[in-house]
Amino acid sequence: SAAGGGLPPIRSVLDPHFHPERTFLFRGADAPVSVEQRFDRGPLQHGAACDGTGAAVWDAALVLCEFLALHPDLVRGKRVVELGSGTGVLGLVCARLGAERVILTDLPEQLPLLEDNVRRNALETRVAVRGCAWGSQPAVREVIAALGGPPDLVVASDVVYCAAADPLDPHQSPRAVFDALKATLKDLCPIGAQGLLSYKRRMNPEADAFVFESLAREFGVEQREVLFHVAGGAPLRGTYEILALTPL
């Protein structure tokens, strides 16, 4: 503990997920993106979101930011929705890359951090925050209204990493949450729109296959190989996948 003037825990110094803020600059962005993190403000909460780690920036988000910086036409001038936004770094980078309008979405407890990070980056005129529980059609309607029409692009990072886990509670199991995510993706993505999901491979080929095959029953799915090792100035650890989804 740092109480009484002592040194902070070593993990808080070495692990960027515990830093109070992080700043990233991507090629083509009109300014850096700075986000506050609150990962160390309480124990992890297990439940529908798998482990409640939405208060930190994870590398899968930076991977998708880097991919969009390399392919700016995917986002420039587009209406964008981010699902499971966490800190909002992905959606904020979309705005900095020239998106016309961005809606950051998450569960209610995550919204104050998202709103603070929008203000931190002075993007209130182009970026809004809305609650969106996956599987809720009223929430989707509210997001589309706030966006000013159906999205051109829906993005999300590290929202499928526990999708193949064995169910405990059939209503709150990771697989049930993944099914709700797929329903929201279908509701948000009209014909002509695209979804982009990034995630970290976690040495479980069966889980990766489950995610791909399950999404392929609902969407056209193309796997994009990730070849870079640094994103936004941050080194990447691990192997990452980007899935491009198109409505069937």
C-alpha atoms as a PDB file:
ATOM      1  CA  SER A   1       0.000   0.000   0.000  1.00  0.00           C
ATOM      2  CA  ALA A   2       1.066   3.588  -0.615  1.00  0.00           C
ATOM      3  CA  ALA A   3      -0.610   4.670   2.659  1.00  0.00           C
ATOM      4  CA  GLY A   4       1.579   6.670   4.993  1.00  0.00           C
ATOM      5  CA  GLY A   5       3.886   7.846   2.205  1.00  0.00           C
ATOM      6  CA  GLY A   6       5.061   4.371   1.190  1.00  0.00           C
ATOM      7  CA  LEU A   7       5.739   3.274  -2.362  1.00  0.00           C
ATOM      8  CA  PRO A   8       2.811   2.189  -4.561  1.00  0.00           C
ATOM      9  CA  PRO A   9       2.405  -1.547  -5.283  1.00  0.00           C
ATOM     10  CA  ILE A  10       4.906  -2.648  -7.910  1.00  0.00           C
ATOM     11  CA  ARG A  11       2.156  -3.872 -10.269  1.00  0.00           C
ATOM     12  CA  SER A  12       0.707  -0.338 -10.309  1.00  0.00           C
ATOM     13  CA  VAL A  13       4.054   0.938 -11.566  1.00  0.00           C
ATOM     14  CA  LEU A  14       4.840  -1.767 -14.109  1.00  0.00           C
ATOM     15  CA  ASP A  15       1.416  -2.753 -15.429  1.00  0.00           C
ATOM     16  CA  PRO A  16      -0.102  -0.039 -17.662  1.00  0.00           C
ATOM     17  CA  HIS A  17      -3.621  -1.270 -16.825  1.00  0.00           C
ATOM     18  CA  PHE A  18      -3.151   0.178 -13.332  1.00  0.00           C
ATOM     19  CA  HIS A  19      -1.902   3.583 -14.464  1.00  0.00           C
ATOM     20  CA  PRO A  20      -4.407   6.364 -13.718  1.00  0.00           C
ATOM     21  CA  GLU A  21      -4.324   7.576 -17.312  1.00  0.00           C
ATOM     22  CA  ARG A  22      -2.908   6.587 -20.699  1.00  0.00           C
ATOM     23  CA  THR A  23      -2.390   8.581 -23.898  1.00  0.00           C
ATOM     24  CA  PHE A  24      -2.182   7.212 -27.436  1.00  0.00           C
ATOM     25  CA  LEU A  25      -1.448   8.747 -30.822  1.00  0.00           C
ATOM     26  CA  PHE A  26      -2.355   6.923 -34.030  1.00  0.00           C
ATOM     27  CA  ARG A  27      -1.294   7.876 -37.538  1.00  0.00           C
ATOM     28  CA  GLY A  28      -3.929   9.945 -39.287  1.00  0.00           C
ATOM     29  CA  ALA A  29      -5.585  11.013 -36.027  1.00  0.00           C
ATOM     30  CA  ASP A  30      -6.134  14.748 -35.631  1.00  0.00           C
ATOM     31  CA  ALA A  31      -4.963  14.641 -31.983  1.00  0.00           C
ATOM     32  CA  PRO A  32      -3.871  12.156 -29.321  1.00  0.00           C
ATOM     33  CA  VAL A  33      -6.495  10.335 -27.243  1.00  0.00           C
ATOM     34  CA  SER A  34      -6.098  10.400 -23.475  1.00  0.00           C
ATOM     35  CA  VAL A  35      -8.205   8.227 -21.181  1.00  0.00           C
ATOM     36  CA  GLU A  36      -8.541   7.839 -17.448  1.00  0.00           C
ATOM     37  CA  GLN A  37      -8.389   4.284 -16.097  1.00  0.00           C
ATOM     38  CA  ARG A  38     -10.025   3.102 -12.872  1.00  0.00           C
ATOM     39  CA  PHE A  39      -9.020  -0.549 -12.885  1.00  0.00           C
ATOM     40  CA  ASP A  40      -7.525  -0.456  -9.380  1.00  0.00           C
ATOM     41  CA  ARG A  41     -10.521   1.053  -7.579  1.00  0.00           C
ATOM     42  CA  GLY A  42     -12.031  -2.160  -6.267  1.00  0.00           C
ATOM     43  CA  PRO A  43     -12.123  -5.938  -6.660  1.00  0.00           C
ATOM     44  CA  LEU A  44     -13.038  -7.551  -9.943  1.00  0.00           C
ATOM     45  CA  GLN A  45     -16.745  -8.215 -10.238  1.00  0.00           C
ATOM     46  CA  HIS A  46     -17.669 -11.570 -11.766  1.00  0.00           C
ATOM     47  CA  GLY A  47     -20.918 -11.777 -13.705  1.00  0.00           C
ATOM     48  CA  ALA A  48     -22.475 -11.027 -17.027  1.00  0.00           C
ATOM     49  CA  ALA A  49     -19.503  -9.015 -18.261  1.00  0.00           C
ATOM     50  CA  CYS A  50     -17.197 -11.932 -17.308  1.00  0.00           C
ATOM     51  CA  ASP A  51     -14.763 -10.067 -15.080  1.00  0.00           C
ATOM     52  CA  GLY A  52     -15.632  -6.381 -14.950  1.00  0.00           C
ATOM     53  CA  THR A  53     -12.345  -5.143 -16.399  1.00  0.00           C
ATOM     54  CA  GLY A  54     -13.906  -2.372 -18.475  1.00  0.00           C
ATOM     55  CA  ALA A  55     -12.093   0.359 -16.545  1.00  0.00           C
ATOM     56  CA  ALA A  56      -8.735  -0.241 -18.279  1.00  0.00           C
ATOM     57  CA  VAL A  57      -7.435  -0.160 -21.855  1.00  0.00           C
ATOM     58  CA  TRP A  58      -6.662  -3.646 -23.156  1.00  0.00           C
ATOM     59  CA  ASP A  59      -4.423  -4.386 -26.108  1.00  0.00           C
ATOM     60  CA  ALA A  60      -7.232  -5.717 -28.324  1.00  0.00           C
ATOM     61  CA  ALA A  61      -8.711  -2.205 -28.412  1.00  0.00           C
ATOM     62  CA  LEU A  62      -5.359  -0.761 -29.484  1.00  0.00           C
ATOM     63  CA  VAL A  63      -5.047  -3.433 -32.177  1.00  0.00           C
ATOM     64  CA  LEU A  64      -8.352  -2.361 -33.725  1.00  0.00           C
ATOM     65  CA  CYS A  65      -7.406   1.321 -33.389  1.00  0.00           C
ATOM     66  CA  GLU A  66      -4.186   0.617 -35.286  1.00  0.00           C
ATOM     67  CA  PHE A  67      -6.083  -1.341 -37.945  1.00  0.00           C
ATOM     68  CA  LEU A  68      -8.493   1.570 -38.454  1.00  0.00           C
ATOM     69  CA  ALA A  69      -5.586   4.026 -38.614  1.00  0.00           C
ATOM     70  CA  LEU A  70      -4.159   1.889 -41.432  1.00  0.00           C
ATOM     71  CA  HIS A  71      -7.579   1.770 -43.164  1.00  0.00           C
ATOM     72  CA  PRO A  72      -9.073   5.228 -42.426  1.00  0.00           C
ATOM     73  CA  ASP A  73     -11.727   4.961 -45.147  1.00  0.00           C
ATOM     74  CA  LEU A  74     -13.529   2.453 -42.910  1.00  0.00           C
ATOM     75  CA  VAL A  75     -14.252   5.185 -40.376  1.00  0.00           C
ATOM     76  CA  ARG A  76     -13.812   8.618 -41.979  1.00  0.00           C
ATOM     77  CA  GLY A  77     -17.165  10.386 -42.376  1.00  0.00           C
ATOM     78  CA  LYS A  78     -19.036   7.377 -40.943  1.00  0.00           C
ATOM     79  CA  ARG A  79     -21.540   6.911 -38.130  1.00  0.00           C
ATOM     80  CA  VAL A  80     -19.928   4.581 -35.595  1.00  0.00           C
ATOM     81  CA  VAL A  81     -21.164   2.650 -32.550  1.00  0.00           C
ATOM     82  CA  GLU A  82     -18.814   1.024 -30.074  1.00  0.00           C
ATOM     83  CA  LEU A  83     -20.191  -1.833 -27.976  1.00  0.00           C
ATOM     84  CA  GLY A  84     -18.761  -2.644 -24.551  1.00  0.00           C
ATOM     85  CA  SER A  85     -16.757   0.582 -24.673  1.00  0.00           C
ATOM     86  CA  GLY A  86     -15.059   0.366 -21.268  1.00  0.00           C
ATOM     87  CA  THR A  87     -12.780   3.419 -21.245  1.00  0.00           C
ATOM     88  CA  GLY A  88     -14.008   4.454 -24.699  1.00  0.00           C
ATOM     89  CA  VAL A  89     -10.539   4.533 -26.257  1.00  0.00           C
ATOM     90  CA  LEU A  90     -11.628   2.728 -29.436  1.00  0.00           C
ATOM     91  CA  GLY A  91     -14.594   4.978 -30.148  1.00  0.00           C
ATOM     92  CA  LEU A  92     -12.615   8.098 -29.255  1.00  0.00           C
ATOM     93  CA  VAL A  93      -9.904   7.116 -31.723  1.00  0.00           C
ATOM     94  CA  CYS A  94     -12.627   6.619 -34.350  1.00  0.00           C
ATOM     95  CA  ALA A  95     -13.667  10.229 -33.757  1.00  0.00           C
ATOM     96  CA  ARG A  96     -10.058  11.403 -34.046  1.00  0.00           C
ATOM     97  CA  LEU A  97      -9.754   9.492 -37.323  1.00  0.00           C
ATOM     98  CA  GLY A  98     -12.635  11.495 -38.769  1.00  0.00           C
ATOM     99  CA  ALA A  99     -15.858   9.662 -37.889  1.00  0.00           C
ATOM    100  CA  GLU A 100     -18.875  11.916 -38.349  1.00  0.00           C
ATOM    101  CA  ARG A 101     -20.622  10.740 -35.170  1.00  0.00           C
ATOM    102  CA  VAL A 102     -19.724   8.155 -32.509  1.00  0.00           C
ATOM    103  CA  ILE A 103     -21.839   6.578 -29.766  1.00  0.00           C
ATOM    104  CA  LEU A 104     -19.984   4.860 -26.916  1.00  0.00           C
ATOM    105  CA  THR A 105     -22.089   2.220 -25.161  1.00  0.00           C
ATOM    106  CA  ASP A 106     -21.794   0.074 -22.057  1.00  0.00           C
ATOM    107  CA  LEU A 107     -23.670  -0.899 -18.915  1.00  0.00           C
ATOM    108  CA  PRO A 108     -24.855   1.895 -16.578  1.00  0.00           C
ATOM    109  CA  GLU A 109     -22.014   1.543 -14.052  1.00  0.00           C
ATOM    110  CA  GLN A 110     -19.473   2.216 -16.804  1.00  0.00           C
ATOM    111  CA  LEU A 111     -21.070   5.379 -18.184  1.00  0.00           C
ATOM    112  CA  PRO A 112     -19.528   7.955 -15.768  1.00  0.00           C
ATOM    113  CA  LEU A 113     -16.006   6.934 -16.841  1.00  0.00           C
ATOM    114  CA  LEU A 114     -17.001   7.104 -20.513  1.00  0.00           C
ATOM    115  CA  GLU A 115     -18.526  10.560 -20.072  1.00  0.00           C
ATOM    116  CA  ASP A 116     -15.411  11.787 -18.249  1.00  0.00           C
ATOM    117  CA  ASN A 117     -13.184  10.496 -21.039  1.00  0.00           C
ATOM    118  CA  VAL A 118     -15.295  12.178 -23.731  1.00  0.00           C
ATOM    119  CA  ARG A 119     -14.919  15.485 -21.868  1.00  0.00           C
ATOM    120  CA  ARG A 120     -11.197  14.855 -21.300  1.00  0.00           C
ATOM    121  CA  ASN A 121     -10.748  14.756 -25.081  1.00  0.00           C
ATOM    122  CA  ALA A 122     -13.103  17.698 -25.815  1.00  0.00           C
ATOM    123  CA  LEU A 123     -15.171  15.541 -28.173  1.00  0.00           C
ATOM    124  CA  GLU A 124     -18.647  16.279 -26.814  1.00  0.00           C
ATOM    125  CA  THR A 125     -19.870  17.605 -30.178  1.00  0.00           C
ATOM    126  CA  ARG A 126     -19.099  14.360 -32.024  1.00  0.00           C
ATOM    127  CA  VAL A 127     -19.201  11.646 -29.357  1.00  0.00           C
ATOM    128  CA  ALA A 128     -22.101  10.703 -27.079  1.00  0.00           C
ATOM    129  CA  VAL A 129     -22.542   8.036 -24.413  1.00  0.00           C
ATOM    130  CA  ARG A 130     -25.525   5.722 -24.019  1.00  0.00           C
ATOM    131  CA  GLY A 131     -26.323   2.671 -21.924  1.00  0.00           C
ATOM    132  CA  CYS A 132     -26.793  -0.479 -23.966  1.00  0.00           C
ATOM    133  CA  ALA A 133     -27.425  -3.863 -22.413  1.00  0.00           C
ATOM    134  CA  TRP A 134     -26.874  -6.471 -25.117  1.00  0.00           C
ATOM    135  CA  GLY A 135     -30.070  -8.096 -26.282  1.00  0.00           C
ATOM    136  CA  SER A 136     -32.186  -5.011 -25.492  1.00  0.00           C
ATOM    137  CA  GLN A 137     -34.005  -3.732 -28.573  1.00  0.00           C
ATOM    138  CA  PRO A 138     -35.170  -0.518 -26.813  1.00  0.00           C
ATOM    139  CA  ALA A 139     -31.514   0.243 -26.027  1.00  0.00           C
ATOM    140  CA  VAL A 140     -30.601  -0.285 -29.680  1.00  0.00           C
ATOM    141  CA  ARG A 141     -33.374   2.090 -30.774  1.00  0.00           C
ATOM    142  CA  GLU A 142     -32.070   4.749 -28.377  1.00  0.00           C
ATOM    143  CA  VAL A 143     -28.514   4.323 -29.692  1.00  0.00           C
ATOM    144  CA  ILE A 144     -29.670   4.670 -33.315  1.00  0.00           C
ATOM    145  CA  ALA A 145     -31.672   7.779 -32.434  1.00  0.00           C
ATOM    146  CA  ALA A 146     -28.662   9.339 -30.708  1.00  0.00           C
ATOM    147  CA  LEU A 147     -26.516   8.485 -33.720  1.00  0.00           C
ATOM    148  CA  GLY A 148     -28.933  10.134 -36.133  1.00  0.00           C
ATOM    149  CA  GLY A 149     -29.563   6.953 -38.107  1.00  0.00           C
ATOM    150  CA  PRO A 150     -28.283   3.395 -38.475  1.00  0.00           C
ATOM    151  CA  PRO A 151     -24.526   2.994 -38.025  1.00  0.00           C
ATOM    152  CA  ASP A 152     -22.130   2.481 -40.901  1.00  0.00           C
ATOM    153  CA  LEU A 153     -19.673   0.738 -38.598  1.00  0.00           C
ATOM    154  CA  VAL A 154     -20.016  -1.144 -35.302  1.00  0.00           C
ATOM    155  CA  VAL A 155     -16.795  -1.813 -33.384  1.00  0.00           C
ATOM    156  CA  ALA A 156     -15.962  -3.780 -30.253  1.00  0.00           C
ATOM    157  CA  SER A 157     -12.827  -5.185 -28.641  1.00  0.00           C
ATOM    158  CA  ASP A 158     -12.290  -8.139 -26.322  1.00  0.00           C
ATOM    159  CA  VAL A 159     -16.010  -8.734 -25.877  1.00  0.00           C
ATOM    160  CA  VAL A 160     -15.933 -12.413 -26.913  1.00  0.00           C
ATOM    161  CA  TYR A 161     -13.007 -13.769 -24.906  1.00  0.00           C
ATOM    162  CA  CYS A 162     -15.148 -15.883 -22.572  1.00  0.00           C
ATOM    163  CA  ALA A 163     -17.909 -16.755 -25.029  1.00  0.00           C
ATOM    164  CA  ALA A 164     -17.257 -20.503 -25.048  1.00  0.00           C
ATOM    165  CA  ALA A 165     -17.014 -20.911 -21.272  1.00  0.00           C
ATOM    166  CA  ASP A 166     -19.111 -23.617 -19.667  1.00  0.00           C
ATOM    167  CA  PRO A 167     -22.423 -22.183 -18.458  1.00  0.00           C
ATOM    168  CA  LEU A 168     -23.042 -21.823 -14.739  1.00  0.00           C
ATOM    169  CA  ASP A 169     -26.237 -19.805 -14.671  1.00  0.00           C
ATOM    170  CA  PRO A 170     -28.049 -20.403 -17.991  1.00  0.00           C
ATOM    171  CA  HIS A 171     -29.227 -16.779 -18.009  1.00  0.00           C
ATOM    172  CA  GLN A 172     -25.930 -15.124 -17.043  1.00  0.00           C
ATOM    173  CA  SER A 173     -23.404 -17.556 -18.510  1.00  0.00           C
ATOM    174  CA  PRO A 174     -20.756 -16.196 -20.870  1.00  0.00           C
ATOM    175  CA  ARG A 175     -22.428 -18.063 -23.707  1.00  0.00           C
ATOM    176  CA  ALA A 176     -25.787 -16.420 -22.980  1.00  0.00           C
ATOM    177  CA  VAL A 177     -24.091 -13.014 -22.917  1.00  0.00           C
ATOM    178  CA  PHE A 178     -22.448 -13.813 -26.265  1.00  0.00           C
ATOM    179  CA  ASP A 179     -25.840 -14.707 -27.730  1.00  0.00           C
ATOM    180  CA  ALA A 180     -27.167 -11.345 -26.512  1.00  0.00           C
ATOM    181  CA  LEU A 181     -24.181  -9.608 -28.121  1.00  0.00           C
ATOM    182  CA  LYS A 182     -24.931 -11.315 -31.444  1.00  0.00           C
ATOM    183  CA  ALA A 183     -28.561 -10.186 -31.231  1.00  0.00           C
ATOM    184  CA  THR A 184     -27.480  -6.581 -30.661  1.00  0.00           C
ATOM    185  CA  LEU A 185     -25.001  -6.761 -33.535  1.00  0.00           C
ATOM    186  CA  LYS A 186     -27.788  -7.977 -35.817  1.00  0.00           C
ATOM    187  CA  ASP A 187     -30.139  -5.213 -34.640  1.00  0.00           C
ATOM    188  CA  LEU A 188     -27.483  -2.533 -35.155  1.00  0.00           C
ATOM    189  CA  CYS A 189     -26.029  -3.658 -38.486  1.00  0.00           C
ATOM    190  CA  PRO A 190     -28.247  -2.954 -41.487  1.00  0.00           C
ATOM    191  CA  ILE A 191     -27.383  -4.220 -44.948  1.00  0.00           C
ATOM    192  CA  GLY A 192     -24.365  -2.240 -46.084  1.00  0.00           C
ATOM    193  CA  ALA A 193     -22.954  -1.761 -42.591  1.00  0.00           C
ATOM    194  CA  GLN A 194     -19.912  -3.528 -41.185  1.00  0.00           C
ATOM    195  CA  GLY A 195     -18.891  -4.835 -37.783  1.00  0.00           C
ATOM    196  CA  LEU A 196     -15.292  -5.139 -36.608  1.00  0.00           C
ATOM    197  CA  LEU A 197     -14.418  -7.207 -33.535  1.00  0.00           C
ATOM    198  CA  SER A 198     -10.908  -7.601 -32.155  1.00  0.00           C
ATOM    199  CA  TYR A 199      -9.832 -10.049 -29.501  1.00  0.00           C
ATOM    200  CA  LYS A 200      -6.789 -11.736 -28.054  1.00  0.00           C
ATOM    201  CA  ARG A 201      -6.230 -15.414 -28.703  1.00  0.00           C
ATOM    202  CA  ARG A 202      -5.927 -17.110 -25.338  1.00  0.00           C
ATOM    203  CA  MET A 203      -4.365 -20.469 -26.211  1.00  0.00           C
ATOM    204  CA  ASN A 204      -7.763 -22.127 -26.578  1.00  0.00           C
ATOM    205  CA  PRO A 205      -8.362 -23.124 -30.227  1.00  0.00           C
ATOM    206  CA  GLU A 206     -11.773 -24.596 -29.355  1.00  0.00           C
ATOM    207  CA  ALA A 207     -12.959 -21.239 -27.990  1.00  0.00           C
ATOM    208  CA  ASP A 208     -11.670 -19.411 -31.074  1.00  0.00           C
ATOM    209  CA  ALA A 209     -13.453 -21.904 -33.332  1.00  0.00           C
ATOM    210  CA  PHE A 210     -16.674 -21.530 -31.332  1.00  0.00           C
ATOM    211  CA  VAL A 211     -16.630 -17.741 -31.724  1.00  0.00           C
ATOM    212  CA  PHE A 212     -15.958 -17.896 -35.468  1.00  0.00           C
ATOM    213  CA  GLU A 213     -18.523 -20.622 -36.213  1.00  0.00           C
ATOM    214  CA  SER A 214     -21.201 -19.009 -34.053  1.00  0.00           C
ATOM    215  CA  LEU A 215     -20.779 -15.619 -35.720  1.00  0.00           C
ATOM    216  CA  ALA A 216     -20.663 -17.245 -39.173  1.00  0.00           C
ATOM    217  CA  ARG A 217     -24.201 -18.535 -38.647  1.00  0.00           C
ATOM    218  CA  GLU A 218     -25.429 -14.927 -38.382  1.00  0.00           C
ATOM    219  CA  PHE A 219     -22.972 -12.889 -40.504  1.00  0.00           C
ATOM    220  CA  GLY A 220     -20.491 -13.074 -43.293  1.00  0.00           C
ATOM    221  CA  VAL A 221     -17.179 -13.328 -41.385  1.00  0.00           C
ATOM    222  CA  GLU A 222     -13.678 -12.550 -42.612  1.00  0.00           C
ATOM    223  CA  GLN A 223     -10.645 -13.052 -40.401  1.00  0.00           C
ATOM    224  CA  ARG A 224      -8.024 -10.317 -40.623  1.00  0.00           C
ATOM    225  CA  GLU A 225      -4.482 -11.191 -39.614  1.00  0.00           C
ATOM    226  CA  VAL A 226      -2.749  -8.767 -37.249  1.00  0.00           C
ATOM    227  CA  LEU A 227       0.890  -8.261 -38.213  1.00  0.00           C
ATOM    228  CA  PHE A 228       1.946  -5.249 -36.134  1.00  0.00           C
ATOM    229  CA  HIS A 229       3.589  -5.397 -32.705  1.00  0.00           C
ATOM    230  CA  VAL A 230       3.067  -1.796 -31.561  1.00  0.00           C
ATOM    231  CA  ALA A 231      -0.234   0.112 -31.519  1.00  0.00           C
ATOM    232  CA  GLY A 232      -0.568   3.781 -30.622  1.00  0.00           C
ATOM    233  CA  GLY A 233       2.965   3.712 -29.244  1.00  0.00           C
ATOM    234  CA  ALA A 234       2.185   0.799 -26.889  1.00  0.00           C
ATOM    235  CA  PRO A 235       3.907  -2.597 -27.329  1.00  0.00           C
ATOM    236  CA  LEU A 236       1.528  -5.518 -27.887  1.00  0.00           C
ATOM    237  CA  ARG A 237       1.802  -8.805 -26.060  1.00  0.00           C
ATOM    238  CA  GLY A 238       0.118 -11.882 -27.471  1.00  0.00           C
ATOM    239  CA  THR A 239      -1.644 -12.835 -30.688  1.00  0.00           C
ATOM    240  CA  TYR A 240      -4.705 -10.941 -31.887  1.00  0.00           C
ATOM    241  CA  GLU A 241      -7.518 -11.507 -34.349  1.00  0.00           C
ATOM    242  CA  ILE A 242      -9.835  -9.063 -36.104  1.00  0.00           C
ATOM    243  CA  LEU A 243     -13.167 -10.346 -37.396  1.00  0.00           C
ATOM    244  CA  ALA A 244     -14.957  -8.319 -40.083  1.00  0.00           C
ATOM    245  CA  LEU A 245     -18.710  -8.948 -40.035  1.00  0.00           C
ATOM    246  CA  THR A 246     -21.224  -8.182 -42.787  1.00  0.00           C
ATOM    247  CA  PRO A 247     -24.987  -8.762 -42.471  1.00  0.00           C
ATOM    248  CA  LEU A 248     -26.345 -11.736 -44.404  1.00  0.00           C
END
